[in-house]
């Protein structure tokens, strides 16, 4: 039986990590300082990595030791974070192609959580 508490904790850590990575990679397009100080953004990779390490730990525990569901949920949540933040900060709309991709990402998450 899946441990939903660990899956939720893992998913929240993945969401935080994916959000931090989006800013780490894309602040260069929003603010000139970040564009000119890529060394600082690279250093942010160390603390950001902990969100993924612990997100994976909790997710794998939540799925009774299975690694694939953890990876697929982390990937799918990243798709949502990327689409939303790109739309909010860079005014790039969610095209029909992106919408279909997000629907597929939702399907992946549902399959991983519901399918026993």
PDB file of N, CA and C in Angstrom:
ATOM      1  N   UNK A   1       0.837  -1.182   0.000  1.00  0.00           N
ATOM      2  CA  UNK A   1       0.000   0.000   0.000  1.00  0.00           C
ATOM      3  C   UNK A   1       0.887   1.253   0.000  1.00  0.00           C
ATOM      4  N   UNK A   2       0.560   2.204  -0.868  1.00  0.00           N
ATOM      5  CA  UNK A   2       1.322   3.445  -0.941  1.00  0.00           C
ATOM      6  C   UNK A   2       1.103   4.287   0.308  1.00  0.00           C
ATOM      7  N   UNK A   3       2.155   4.974   0.740  1.00  0.00           N
ATOM      8  CA  UNK A   3       2.072   5.882   1.873  1.00  0.00           C
ATOM      9  C   UNK A   3       1.865   7.288   1.321  1.00  0.00           C
ATOM     10  N   UNK A   4       0.642   7.744   1.315  1.00  0.00           N
ATOM     11  CA  UNK A   4       0.288   9.022   0.683  1.00  0.00           C
ATOM     12  C   UNK A   4       0.989  10.210   1.339  1.00  0.00           C
ATOM     13  N   UNK A   5       1.246  10.140   2.646  1.00  0.00           N
ATOM     14  CA  UNK A   5       1.934  11.244   3.333  1.00  0.00           C
ATOM     15  C   UNK A   5       3.331  11.455   2.756  1.00  0.00           C
ATOM     16  N   UNK A   6       4.075  10.366   2.575  1.00  0.00           N
ATOM     17  CA  UNK A   6       5.424  10.479   2.002  1.00  0.00           C
ATOM     18  C   UNK A   6       5.370  10.941   0.547  1.00  0.00           C
ATOM     19  N   UNK A   7       4.372  10.494  -0.186  1.00  0.00           N
ATOM     20  CA  UNK A   7       4.221  10.923  -1.586  1.00  0.00           C
ATOM     21  C   UNK A   7       3.946  12.424  -1.650  1.00  0.00           C
ATOM     22  N   UNK A   8       3.115  12.922  -0.751  1.00  0.00           N
ATOM     23  CA  UNK A   8       2.813  14.364  -0.723  1.00  0.00           C
ATOM     24  C   UNK A   8       4.055  15.163  -0.345  1.00  0.00           C
ATOM     25  N   UNK A   9       4.779  14.723   0.685  1.00  0.00           N
ATOM     26  CA  UNK A   9       6.007  15.425   1.094  1.00  0.00           C
ATOM     27  C   UNK A   9       7.012  15.428  -0.061  1.00  0.00           C
ATOM     28  N   UNK A  10       7.196  14.279  -0.676  1.00  0.00           N
ATOM     29  CA  UNK A  10       8.115  14.191  -1.813  1.00  0.00           C
ATOM     30  C   UNK A  10       7.700  15.100  -2.949  1.00  0.00           C
ATOM     31  N   UNK A  11       6.407  15.135  -3.243  1.00  0.00           N
ATOM     32  CA  UNK A  11       5.892  15.983  -4.321  1.00  0.00           C
ATOM     33  C   UNK A  11       6.099  17.464  -4.003  1.00  0.00           C
ATOM     34  N   UNK A  12       5.879  17.852  -2.764  1.00  0.00           N
ATOM     35  CA  UNK A  12       6.110  19.256  -2.375  1.00  0.00           C
ATOM     36  C   UNK A  12       7.580  19.628  -2.515  1.00  0.00           C
ATOM     37  N   UNK A  13       8.454  18.717  -2.125  1.00  0.00           N
ATOM     38  CA  UNK A  13       9.886  18.982  -2.291  1.00  0.00           C
ATOM     39  C   UNK A  13      10.257  19.084  -3.765  1.00  0.00           C
ATOM     40  N   UNK A  14       9.677  18.221  -4.598  1.00  0.00           N
ATOM     41  CA  UNK A  14       9.904  18.328  -6.044  1.00  0.00           C
ATOM     42  C   UNK A  14       9.406  19.668  -6.578  1.00  0.00           C
ATOM     43  N   UNK A  15       8.230  20.111  -6.126  1.00  0.00           N
ATOM     44  CA  UNK A  15       7.685  21.403  -6.585  1.00  0.00           C
ATOM     45  C   UNK A  15       8.617  22.557  -6.220  1.00  0.00           C
ATOM     46  N   UNK A  16       9.118  22.543  -4.997  1.00  0.00           N
ATOM     47  CA  UNK A  16      10.052  23.592  -4.576  1.00  0.00           C
ATOM     48  C   UNK A  16      11.324  23.525  -5.415  1.00  0.00           C
ATOM     49  N   UNK A  17      11.848  22.329  -5.599  1.00  0.00           N
ATOM     50  CA  UNK A  17      13.060  22.160  -6.399  1.00  0.00           C
ATOM     51  C   UNK A  17      12.871  22.598  -7.837  1.00  0.00           C
ATOM     52  N   UNK A  18      11.765  22.205  -8.449  1.00  0.00           N
ATOM     53  CA  UNK A  18      11.502  22.581  -9.841  1.00  0.00           C
ATOM     54  C   UNK A  18      11.337  24.105  -9.967  1.00  0.00           C
ATOM     55  N   UNK A  19      10.688  24.706  -8.989  1.00  0.00           N
ATOM     56  CA  UNK A  19      10.527  26.168  -9.004  1.00  0.00           C
ATOM     57  C   UNK A  19      11.885  26.850  -8.884  1.00  0.00           C
ATOM     58  N   UNK A  20      12.705  26.371  -7.958  1.00  0.00           N
ATOM     59  CA  UNK A  20      14.038  26.958  -7.777  1.00  0.00           C
ATOM     60  C   UNK A  20      14.887  26.796  -9.029  1.00  0.00           C
ATOM     61  N   UNK A  21      14.810  25.647  -9.677  1.00  0.00           N
ATOM     62  CA  UNK A  21      15.570  25.428 -10.909  1.00  0.00           C
ATOM     63  C   UNK A  21      15.091  26.362 -12.016  1.00  0.00           C
ATOM     64  N   UNK A  22      13.786  26.576 -12.108  1.00  0.00           N
ATOM     65  CA  UNK A  22      13.280  27.481 -13.142  1.00  0.00           C
ATOM     66  C   UNK A  22      13.925  28.860 -12.965  1.00  0.00           C
ATOM     67  N   UNK A  23      13.922  29.355 -11.730  1.00  0.00           N
ATOM     68  CA  UNK A  23      14.524  30.668 -11.492  1.00  0.00           C
ATOM     69  C   UNK A  23      16.034  30.627 -11.714  1.00  0.00           C
ATOM     70  N   UNK A  24      16.676  29.562 -11.296  1.00  0.00           N
ATOM     71  CA  UNK A  24      18.119  29.441 -11.486  1.00  0.00           C
ATOM     72  C   UNK A  24      18.486  29.556 -12.959  1.00  0.00           C
ATOM     73  N   UNK A  25      17.733  28.908 -13.822  1.00  0.00           N
ATOM     74  CA  UNK A  25      18.053  28.893 -15.243  1.00  0.00           C
ATOM     75  C   UNK A  25      17.536  30.109 -16.009  1.00  0.00           C
ATOM     76  N   UNK A  26      16.440  30.691 -15.558  1.00  0.00           N
ATOM     77  CA  UNK A  26      15.764  31.693 -16.385  1.00  0.00           C
ATOM     78  C   UNK A  26      15.793  33.122 -15.858  1.00  0.00           C
ATOM     79  N   UNK A  27      16.322  33.346 -14.662  1.00  0.00           N
ATOM     80  CA  UNK A  27      16.438  34.728 -14.191  1.00  0.00           C
ATOM     81  C   UNK A  27      17.331  35.562 -15.104  1.00  0.00           C
ATOM     82  N   UNK A  28      18.203  34.912 -15.860  1.00  0.00           N
ATOM     83  CA  UNK A  28      19.063  35.627 -16.807  1.00  0.00           C
ATOM     84  C   UNK A  28      18.258  36.357 -17.879  1.00  0.00           C
ATOM     85  N   UNK A  29      17.026  35.918 -18.115  1.00  0.00           N
ATOM     86  CA  UNK A  29      16.172  36.556 -19.113  1.00  0.00           C
ATOM     87  C   UNK A  29      15.277  37.626 -18.511  1.00  0.00           C
ATOM     88  N   UNK A  30      15.317  37.741 -17.190  1.00  0.00           N
ATOM     89  CA  UNK A  30      14.447  38.683 -16.488  1.00  0.00           C
ATOM     90  C   UNK A  30      15.245  39.848 -15.902  1.00  0.00           C
ATOM     91  N   UNK A  31      16.475  39.562 -15.454  1.00  0.00           N
ATOM     92  CA  UNK A  31      17.258  40.557 -14.735  1.00  0.00           C
ATOM     93  C   UNK A  31      18.709  40.521 -15.224  1.00  0.00           C
ATOM     94  N   UNK A  32      19.229  41.657 -15.544  1.00  0.00           N
ATOM     95  CA  UNK A  32      20.587  41.770 -16.097  1.00  0.00           C
ATOM     96  C   UNK A  32      21.650  41.272 -15.118  1.00  0.00           C
ATOM     97  N   UNK A  33      21.463  41.502 -13.810  1.00  0.00           N
ATOM     98  CA  UNK A  33      22.455  41.070 -12.831  1.00  0.00           C
ATOM     99  C   UNK A  33      22.676  39.563 -12.914  1.00  0.00           C
ATOM    100  N   UNK A  34      21.598  38.807 -12.995  1.00  0.00           N
ATOM    101  CA  UNK A  34      21.711  37.350 -13.063  1.00  0.00           C
ATOM    102  C   UNK A  34      22.343  36.899 -14.374  1.00  0.00           C
ATOM    103  N   UNK A  35      22.089  37.643 -15.437  1.00  0.00           N
ATOM    104  CA  UNK A  35      22.705  37.323 -16.724  1.00  0.00           C
ATOM    105  C   UNK A  35      24.221  37.468 -16.647  1.00  0.00           C
ATOM    106  N   UNK A  36      24.681  38.469 -15.913  1.00  0.00           N
ATOM    107  CA  UNK A  36      26.107  38.754 -15.822  1.00  0.00           C
ATOM    108  C   UNK A  36      26.810  38.030 -14.674  1.00  0.00           C
ATOM    109  N   UNK A  37      26.065  37.302 -13.851  1.00  0.00           N
ATOM    110  CA  UNK A  37      26.645  36.607 -12.695  1.00  0.00           C
ATOM    111  C   UNK A  37      26.228  35.142 -12.671  1.00  0.00           C
ATOM    112  N   UNK A  38      26.524  34.462 -13.749  1.00  0.00           N
ATOM    113  CA  UNK A  38      26.126  33.053 -13.856  1.00  0.00           C
ATOM    114  C   UNK A  38      26.816  32.181 -12.801  1.00  0.00           C
ATOM    115  N   UNK A  39      27.974  32.605 -12.319  1.00  0.00           N
ATOM    116  CA  UNK A  39      28.666  31.863 -11.272  1.00  0.00           C
ATOM    117  C   UNK A  39      27.791  31.743 -10.030  1.00  0.00           C
ATOM    118  N   UNK A  40      27.081  32.822  -9.693  1.00  0.00           N
ATOM    119  CA  UNK A  40      26.196  32.803  -8.526  1.00  0.00           C
ATOM    120  C   UNK A  40      25.054  31.816  -8.734  1.00  0.00           C
ATOM    121  N   UNK A  41      24.490  31.841  -9.932  1.00  0.00           N
ATOM    122  CA  UNK A  41      23.380  30.940 -10.225  1.00  0.00           C
ATOM    123  C   UNK A  41      23.843  29.482 -10.212  1.00  0.00           C
ATOM    124  N   UNK A  42      25.047  29.233 -10.675  1.00  0.00           N
ATOM    125  CA  UNK A  42      25.584  27.870 -10.636  1.00  0.00           C
ATOM    126  C   UNK A  42      25.739  27.388  -9.196  1.00  0.00           C
ATOM    127  N   UNK A  43      26.174  28.272  -8.310  1.00  0.00           N
ATOM    128  CA  UNK A  43      26.318  27.902  -6.891  1.00  0.00           C
ATOM    129  C   UNK A  43      24.970  27.548  -6.252  1.00  0.00           C
ATOM    130  N   UNK A  44      23.902  28.109  -6.759  1.00  0.00           N
ATOM    131  CA  UNK A  44      22.571  27.808  -6.226  1.00  0.00           C
ATOM    132  C   UNK A  44      22.170  26.352  -6.481  1.00  0.00           C
ATOM    133  N   UNK A  45      22.887  25.702  -7.392  1.00  0.00           N
ATOM    134  CA  UNK A  45      22.598  24.300  -7.673  1.00  0.00           C
ATOM    135  C   UNK A  45      22.823  23.384  -6.478  1.00  0.00           C
ATOM    136  N   UNK A  46      23.741  23.764  -5.597  1.00  0.00           N
ATOM    137  CA  UNK A  46      24.029  22.914  -4.435  1.00  0.00           C
ATOM    138  C   UNK A  46      22.831  22.858  -3.488  1.00  0.00           C
ATOM    139  N   UNK A  47      22.310  23.979  -2.998  1.00  0.00           N
ATOM    140  CA  UNK A  47      21.143  23.858  -2.112  1.00  0.00           C
ATOM    141  C   UNK A  47      19.892  23.335  -2.834  1.00  0.00           C
ATOM    142  N   UNK A  48      19.742  23.673  -4.102  1.00  0.00           N
ATOM    143  CA  UNK A  48      18.579  23.203  -4.854  1.00  0.00           C
ATOM    144  C   UNK A  48      18.588  21.677  -4.947  1.00  0.00           C
ATOM    145  N   UNK A  49      19.757  21.096  -5.075  1.00  0.00           N
ATOM    146  CA  UNK A  49      19.865  19.633  -5.202  1.00  0.00           C
ATOM    147  C   UNK A  49      19.246  18.907  -4.021  1.00  0.00           C
ATOM    148  N   UNK A  50      19.318  19.496  -2.835  1.00  0.00           N
ATOM    149  CA  UNK A  50      18.755  18.840  -1.653  1.00  0.00           C
ATOM    150  C   UNK A  50      17.244  18.642  -1.760  1.00  0.00           C
ATOM    151  N   UNK A  51      16.555  19.561  -2.419  1.00  0.00           N
ATOM    152  CA  UNK A  51      15.112  19.372  -2.607  1.00  0.00           C
ATOM    153  C   UNK A  51      14.837  18.119  -3.431  1.00  0.00           C
ATOM    154  N   UNK A  52      15.649  17.878  -4.451  1.00  0.00           N
ATOM    155  CA  UNK A  52      15.459  16.696  -5.288  1.00  0.00           C
ATOM    156  C   UNK A  52      15.905  15.415  -4.578  1.00  0.00           C
ATOM    157  N   UNK A  53      16.988  15.516  -3.824  1.00  0.00           N
ATOM    158  CA  UNK A  53      17.460  14.344  -3.079  1.00  0.00           C
ATOM    159  C   UNK A  53      16.396  13.882  -2.083  1.00  0.00           C
ATOM    160  N   UNK A  54      15.877  14.825  -1.291  1.00  0.00           N
ATOM    161  CA  UNK A  54      14.878  14.455  -0.287  1.00  0.00           C
ATOM    162  C   UNK A  54      13.509  14.202  -0.906  1.00  0.00           C
ATOM    163  N   UNK A  55      13.195  14.889  -1.995  1.00  0.00           N
ATOM    164  CA  UNK A  55      11.957  14.595  -2.710  1.00  0.00           C
ATOM    165  C   UNK A  55      11.952  13.160  -3.208  1.00  0.00           C
ATOM    166  N   UNK A  56      13.092  12.729  -3.747  1.00  0.00           N
ATOM    167  CA  UNK A  56      13.219  11.347  -4.212  1.00  0.00           C
ATOM    168  C   UNK A  56      13.134  10.375  -3.041  1.00  0.00           C
ATOM    169  N   UNK A  57      13.804  10.700  -1.946  1.00  0.00           N
ATOM    170  CA  UNK A  57      13.782   9.836  -0.760  1.00  0.00           C
ATOM    171  C   UNK A  57      12.350   9.594  -0.290  1.00  0.00           C
ATOM    172  N   UNK A  58      11.603  10.675  -0.096  1.00  0.00           N
ATOM    173  CA  UNK A  58      10.233  10.531   0.397  1.00  0.00           C
ATOM    174  C   UNK A  58       9.331   9.841  -0.617  1.00  0.00           C
ATOM    175  N   UNK A  59       9.484  10.193  -1.874  1.00  0.00           N
ATOM    176  CA  UNK A  59       8.629   9.582  -2.905  1.00  0.00           C
ATOM    177  C   UNK A  59       8.883   8.082  -3.022  1.00  0.00           C
ATOM    178  N   UNK A  60      10.145   7.695  -3.017  1.00  0.00           N
ATOM    179  CA  UNK A  60      10.467   6.272  -3.120  1.00  0.00           C
ATOM    180  C   UNK A  60       9.925   5.523  -1.895  1.00  0.00           C
ATOM    181  N   UNK A  61      10.052   6.116  -0.714  1.00  0.00           N
ATOM    182  CA  UNK A  61       9.471   5.494   0.476  1.00  0.00           C
ATOM    183  C   UNK A  61       7.950   5.405   0.347  1.00  0.00           C
ATOM    184  N   UNK A  62       7.341   6.453  -0.175  1.00  0.00           N
ATOM    185  CA  UNK A  62       5.893   6.472  -0.348  1.00  0.00           C
ATOM    186  C   UNK A  62       5.393   5.431  -1.331  1.00  0.00           C
ATOM    187  N   UNK A  63       6.224   5.093  -2.316  1.00  0.00           N
ATOM    188  CA  UNK A  63       5.867   4.077  -3.301  1.00  0.00           C
ATOM    189  C   UNK A  63       6.521   2.728  -2.993  1.00  0.00           C
ATOM    190  N   UNK A  64       6.790   2.500  -1.714  1.00  0.00           N
ATOM    191  CA  UNK A  64       7.291   1.202  -1.240  1.00  0.00           C
ATOM    192  C   UNK A  64       8.577   0.754  -1.940  1.00  0.00           C
ATOM    193  N   UNK A  65       9.503   1.701  -2.113  1.00  0.00           N
ATOM    194  CA  UNK A  65      10.798   1.365  -2.678  1.00  0.00           C
ATOM    195  C   UNK A  65      10.892   1.439  -4.190  1.00  0.00           C
ATOM    196  N   UNK A  66       9.803   1.761  -4.862  1.00  0.00           N
ATOM    197  CA  UNK A  66       9.843   1.857  -6.330  1.00  0.00           C
ATOM    198  C   UNK A  66      10.361   3.229  -6.752  1.00  0.00           C
ATOM    199  N   UNK A  67      11.329   3.236  -7.658  1.00  0.00           N
ATOM    200  CA  UNK A  67      11.951   4.485  -8.098  1.00  0.00           C
ATOM    201  C   UNK A  67      11.202   5.140  -9.262  1.00  0.00           C
ATOM    202  N   UNK A  68      10.673   4.355 -10.190  1.00  0.00           N
ATOM    203  CA  UNK A  68      10.040   4.936 -11.379  1.00  0.00           C
ATOM    204  C   UNK A  68       8.903   5.906 -11.066  1.00  0.00           C
ATOM    205  N   UNK A  69       7.985   5.589 -10.176  1.00  0.00           N
ATOM    206  CA  UNK A  69       6.913   6.559  -9.900  1.00  0.00           C
ATOM    207  C   UNK A  69       7.453   7.900  -9.416  1.00  0.00           C
ATOM    208  N   UNK A  70       8.498   7.855  -8.606  1.00  0.00           N
ATOM    209  CA  UNK A  70       9.110   9.083  -8.103  1.00  0.00           C
ATOM    210  C   UNK A  70       9.645   9.937  -9.248  1.00  0.00           C
ATOM    211  N   UNK A  71      10.356   9.301 -10.159  1.00  0.00           N
ATOM    212  CA  UNK A  71      10.938  10.027 -11.294  1.00  0.00           C
ATOM    213  C   UNK A  71       9.864  10.626 -12.189  1.00  0.00           C
ATOM    214  N   UNK A  72       8.830   9.848 -12.463  1.00  0.00           N
ATOM    215  CA  UNK A  72       7.778  10.320 -13.366  1.00  0.00           C
ATOM    216  C   UNK A  72       6.956  11.444 -12.744  1.00  0.00           C
ATOM    217  N   UNK A  73       6.713  11.367 -11.449  1.00  0.00           N
ATOM    218  CA  UNK A  73       5.974  12.451 -10.788  1.00  0.00           C
ATOM    219  C   UNK A  73       6.828  13.713 -10.743  1.00  0.00           C
ATOM    220  N   UNK A  74       8.111  13.580 -10.416  1.00  0.00           N
ATOM    221  CA  UNK A  74       9.004  14.750 -10.409  1.00  0.00           C
ATOM    222  C   UNK A  74       9.068  15.418 -11.773  1.00  0.00           C
ATOM    223  N   UNK A  75       9.149  14.610 -12.825  1.00  0.00           N
ATOM    224  CA  UNK A  75       9.167  15.133 -14.189  1.00  0.00           C
ATOM    225  C   UNK A  75       7.864  15.860 -14.516  1.00  0.00           C
ATOM    226  N   UNK A  76       6.753  15.235 -14.202  1.00  0.00           N
ATOM    227  CA  UNK A  76       5.445  15.815 -14.526  1.00  0.00           C
ATOM    228  C   UNK A  76       5.205  17.121 -13.775  1.00  0.00           C
ATOM    229  N   UNK A  77       5.571  17.149 -12.505  1.00  0.00           N
ATOM    230  CA  UNK A  77       5.422  18.391 -11.745  1.00  0.00           C
ATOM    231  C   UNK A  77       6.303  19.488 -12.321  1.00  0.00           C
ATOM    232  N   UNK A  78       7.475  19.108 -12.810  1.00  0.00           N
ATOM    233  CA  UNK A  78       8.364  20.071 -13.455  1.00  0.00           C
ATOM    234  C   UNK A  78       7.747  20.676 -14.706  1.00  0.00           C
ATOM    235  N   UNK A  79       6.992  19.882 -15.436  1.00  0.00           N
ATOM    236  CA  UNK A  79       6.308  20.396 -16.633  1.00  0.00           C
ATOM    237  C   UNK A  79       5.329  21.507 -16.251  1.00  0.00           C
ATOM    238  N   UNK A  80       4.579  21.287 -15.169  1.00  0.00           N
ATOM    239  CA  UNK A  80       3.614  22.290 -14.725  1.00  0.00           C
ATOM    240  C   UNK A  80       4.308  23.553 -14.238  1.00  0.00           C
ATOM    241  N   UNK A  81       5.341  23.388 -13.429  1.00  0.00           N
ATOM    242  CA  UNK A  81       6.079  24.549 -12.918  1.00  0.00           C
ATOM    243  C   UNK A  81       6.651  25.353 -14.078  1.00  0.00           C
ATOM    244  N   UNK A  82       7.254  24.673 -15.038  1.00  0.00           N
ATOM    245  CA  UNK A  82       7.866  25.352 -16.181  1.00  0.00           C
ATOM    246  C   UNK A  82       6.820  26.125 -16.988  1.00  0.00           C
ATOM    247  N   UNK A  83       5.700  25.489 -17.267  1.00  0.00           N
ATOM    248  CA  UNK A  83       4.649  26.145 -18.055  1.00  0.00           C
ATOM    249  C   UNK A  83       4.095  27.375 -17.340  1.00  0.00           C
ATOM    250  N   UNK A  84       3.813  27.238 -16.064  1.00  0.00           N
ATOM    251  CA  UNK A  84       3.214  28.346 -15.306  1.00  0.00           C
ATOM    252  C   UNK A  84       4.190  29.502 -15.147  1.00  0.00           C
ATOM    253  N   UNK A  85       5.424  29.218 -14.742  1.00  0.00           N
ATOM    254  CA  UNK A  85       6.389  30.306 -14.523  1.00  0.00           C
ATOM    255  C   UNK A  85       6.823  30.972 -15.825  1.00  0.00           C
ATOM    256  N   UNK A  86       6.921  30.204 -16.896  1.00  0.00           N
ATOM    257  CA  UNK A  86       7.257  30.796 -18.192  1.00  0.00           C
ATOM    258  C   UNK A  86       6.132  31.716 -18.663  1.00  0.00           C
ATOM    259  N   UNK A  87       4.922  31.311 -18.429  1.00  0.00           N
ATOM    260  CA  UNK A  87       3.768  32.149 -18.782  1.00  0.00           C
ATOM    261  C   UNK A  87       3.733  33.407 -17.913  1.00  0.00           C
ATOM    262  N   UNK A  88       3.932  33.261 -16.608  1.00  0.00           N
ATOM    263  CA  UNK A  88       3.858  34.403 -15.696  1.00  0.00           C
ATOM    264  C   UNK A  88       4.972  35.418 -15.912  1.00  0.00           C
ATOM    265  N   UNK A  89       6.200  34.942 -16.053  1.00  0.00           N
ATOM    266  CA  UNK A  89       7.344  35.861 -16.088  1.00  0.00           C
ATOM    267  C   UNK A  89       7.790  36.263 -17.491  1.00  0.00           C
ATOM    268  N   UNK A  90       7.607  35.387 -18.464  1.00  0.00           N
ATOM    269  CA  UNK A  90       8.116  35.671 -19.797  1.00  0.00           C
ATOM    270  C   UNK A  90       6.998  35.856 -20.829  1.00  0.00           C
ATOM    271  N   UNK A  91       5.757  35.841 -20.354  1.00  0.00           N
ATOM    272  CA  UNK A  91       4.585  36.074 -21.206  1.00  0.00           C
ATOM    273  C   UNK A  91       4.516  35.149 -22.413  1.00  0.00           C
ATOM    274  N   UNK A  92       4.985  33.919 -22.235  1.00  0.00           N
ATOM    275  CA  UNK A  92       4.885  32.937 -23.306  1.00  0.00           C
ATOM    276  C   UNK A  92       3.650  32.086 -23.040  1.00  0.00           C
ATOM    277  N   UNK A  93       2.721  32.158 -23.959  1.00  0.00           N
ATOM    278  CA  UNK A  93       1.428  31.515 -23.737  1.00  0.00           C
ATOM    279  C   UNK A  93       1.530  29.994 -23.755  1.00  0.00           C
ATOM    280  N   UNK A  94       0.517  29.383 -23.189  1.00  0.00           N
ATOM    281  CA  UNK A  94       0.407  27.931 -23.217  1.00  0.00           C
ATOM    282  C   UNK A  94      -0.303  27.575 -24.516  1.00  0.00           C
ATOM    283  N   UNK A  95       0.465  27.069 -25.461  1.00  0.00           N
ATOM    284  CA  UNK A  95      -0.054  26.721 -26.779  1.00  0.00           C
ATOM    285  C   UNK A  95      -0.839  25.408 -26.703  1.00  0.00           C
ATOM    286  N   UNK A  96      -1.605  25.089 -27.738  1.00  0.00           N
ATOM    287  CA  UNK A  96      -2.301  23.792 -27.739  1.00  0.00           C
ATOM    288  C   UNK A  96      -1.339  22.614 -27.547  1.00  0.00           C
ATOM    289  N   UNK A  97      -0.162  22.687 -28.139  1.00  0.00           N
ATOM    290  CA  UNK A  97       0.826  21.620 -27.980  1.00  0.00           C
ATOM    291  C   UNK A  97       1.247  21.492 -26.515  1.00  0.00           C
ATOM    292  N   UNK A  98       1.494  22.636 -25.860  1.00  0.00           N
ATOM    293  CA  UNK A  98       1.867  22.621 -24.442  1.00  0.00           C
ATOM    294  C   UNK A  98       0.714  22.119 -23.589  1.00  0.00           C
ATOM    295  N   UNK A  99      -0.501  22.523 -23.923  1.00  0.00           N
ATOM    296  CA  UNK A  99      -1.672  22.066 -23.176  1.00  0.00           C
ATOM    297  C   UNK A  99      -1.807  20.547 -23.238  1.00  0.00           C
ATOM    298  N   UNK A 100      -1.632  19.970 -24.417  1.00  0.00           N
ATOM    299  CA  UNK A 100      -1.696  18.515 -24.564  1.00  0.00           C
ATOM    300  C   UNK A 100      -0.595  17.863 -23.724  1.00  0.00           C
ATOM    301  N   UNK A 101       0.590  18.445 -23.732  1.00  0.00           N
ATOM    302  CA  UNK A 101       1.686  17.917 -22.937  1.00  0.00           C
ATOM    303  C   UNK A 101       1.348  17.952 -21.452  1.00  0.00           C
ATOM    304  N   UNK A 102       0.724  19.027 -20.990  1.00  0.00           N
ATOM    305  CA  UNK A 102       0.335  19.125 -19.585  1.00  0.00           C
ATOM    306  C   UNK A 102      -0.750  18.110 -19.234  1.00  0.00           C
ATOM    307  N   UNK A 103      -1.647  17.862 -20.159  1.00  0.00           N
ATOM    308  CA  UNK A 103      -2.666  16.828 -19.944  1.00  0.00           C
ATOM    309  C   UNK A 103      -1.988  15.460 -19.816  1.00  0.00           C
ATOM    310  N   UNK A 104      -1.020  15.201 -20.672  1.00  0.00           N
ATOM    311  CA  UNK A 104      -0.267  13.943 -20.578  1.00  0.00           C
ATOM    312  C   UNK A 104       0.493  13.848 -19.252  1.00  0.00           C
ATOM    313  N   UNK A 105       1.066  14.963 -18.806  1.00  0.00           N
ATOM    314  CA  UNK A 105       1.778  14.971 -17.525  1.00  0.00           C
ATOM    315  C   UNK A 105       0.821  14.663 -16.381  1.00  0.00           C
ATOM    316  N   UNK A 106      -0.387  15.215 -16.447  1.00  0.00           N
ATOM    317  CA  UNK A 106      -1.401  14.922 -15.434  1.00  0.00           C
ATOM    318  C   UNK A 106      -1.759  13.445 -15.454  1.00  0.00           C
ATOM    319  N   UNK A 107      -1.889  12.907 -16.635  1.00  0.00           N
ATOM    320  CA  UNK A 107      -2.200  11.482 -16.784  1.00  0.00           C
ATOM    321  C   UNK A 107      -1.106  10.625 -16.162  1.00  0.00           C
ATOM    322  N   UNK A 108       0.155  11.001 -16.361  1.00  0.00           N
ATOM    323  CA  UNK A 108       1.281  10.270 -15.787  1.00  0.00           C
ATOM    324  C   UNK A 108       1.179  10.253 -14.260  1.00  0.00           C
ATOM    325  N   UNK A 109       0.901  11.410 -13.662  1.00  0.00           N
ATOM    326  CA  UNK A 109       0.793  11.487 -12.204  1.00  0.00           C
ATOM    327  C   UNK A 109      -0.355  10.615 -11.710  1.00  0.00           C
ATOM    328  N   UNK A 110      -1.502  10.711 -12.345  1.00  0.00           N
ATOM    329  CA  UNK A 110      -2.666   9.925 -11.925  1.00  0.00           C
ATOM    330  C   UNK A 110      -2.374   8.427 -12.036  1.00  0.00           C
ATOM    331  N   UNK A 111      -1.763   8.005 -13.134  1.00  0.00           N
ATOM    332  CA  UNK A 111      -1.426   6.586 -13.297  1.00  0.00           C
ATOM    333  C   UNK A 111      -0.500   6.117 -12.180  1.00  0.00           C
ATOM    334  N   UNK A 112       0.512   6.908 -11.875  1.00  0.00           N
ATOM    335  CA  UNK A 112       1.490   6.511 -10.848  1.00  0.00           C
ATOM    336  C   UNK A 112       0.873   6.405  -9.460  1.00  0.00           C
ATOM    337  N   UNK A 113      -0.094   7.268  -9.165  1.00  0.00           N
ATOM    338  CA  UNK A 113      -0.687   7.262  -7.822  1.00  0.00           C
ATOM    339  C   UNK A 113      -1.831   6.251  -7.719  1.00  0.00           C
ATOM    340  N   UNK A 114      -2.647   6.129  -8.742  1.00  0.00           N
ATOM    341  CA  UNK A 114      -3.856   5.321  -8.652  1.00  0.00           C
ATOM    342  C   UNK A 114      -3.627   3.857  -9.033  1.00  0.00           C
ATOM    343  N   UNK A 115      -2.859   3.604 -10.069  1.00  0.00           N
ATOM    344  CA  UNK A 115      -2.678   2.243 -10.580  1.00  0.00           C
ATOM    345  C   UNK A 115      -1.860   1.426  -9.595  1.00  0.00           C
ATOM    346  N   UNK A 116      -2.427   0.358  -9.125  1.00  0.00           N
ATOM    347  CA  UNK A 116      -1.743  -0.506  -8.124  1.00  0.00           C
ATOM    348  C   UNK A 116      -1.020  -1.627  -8.798  1.00  0.00           C
TER     349      UNK A 116
END
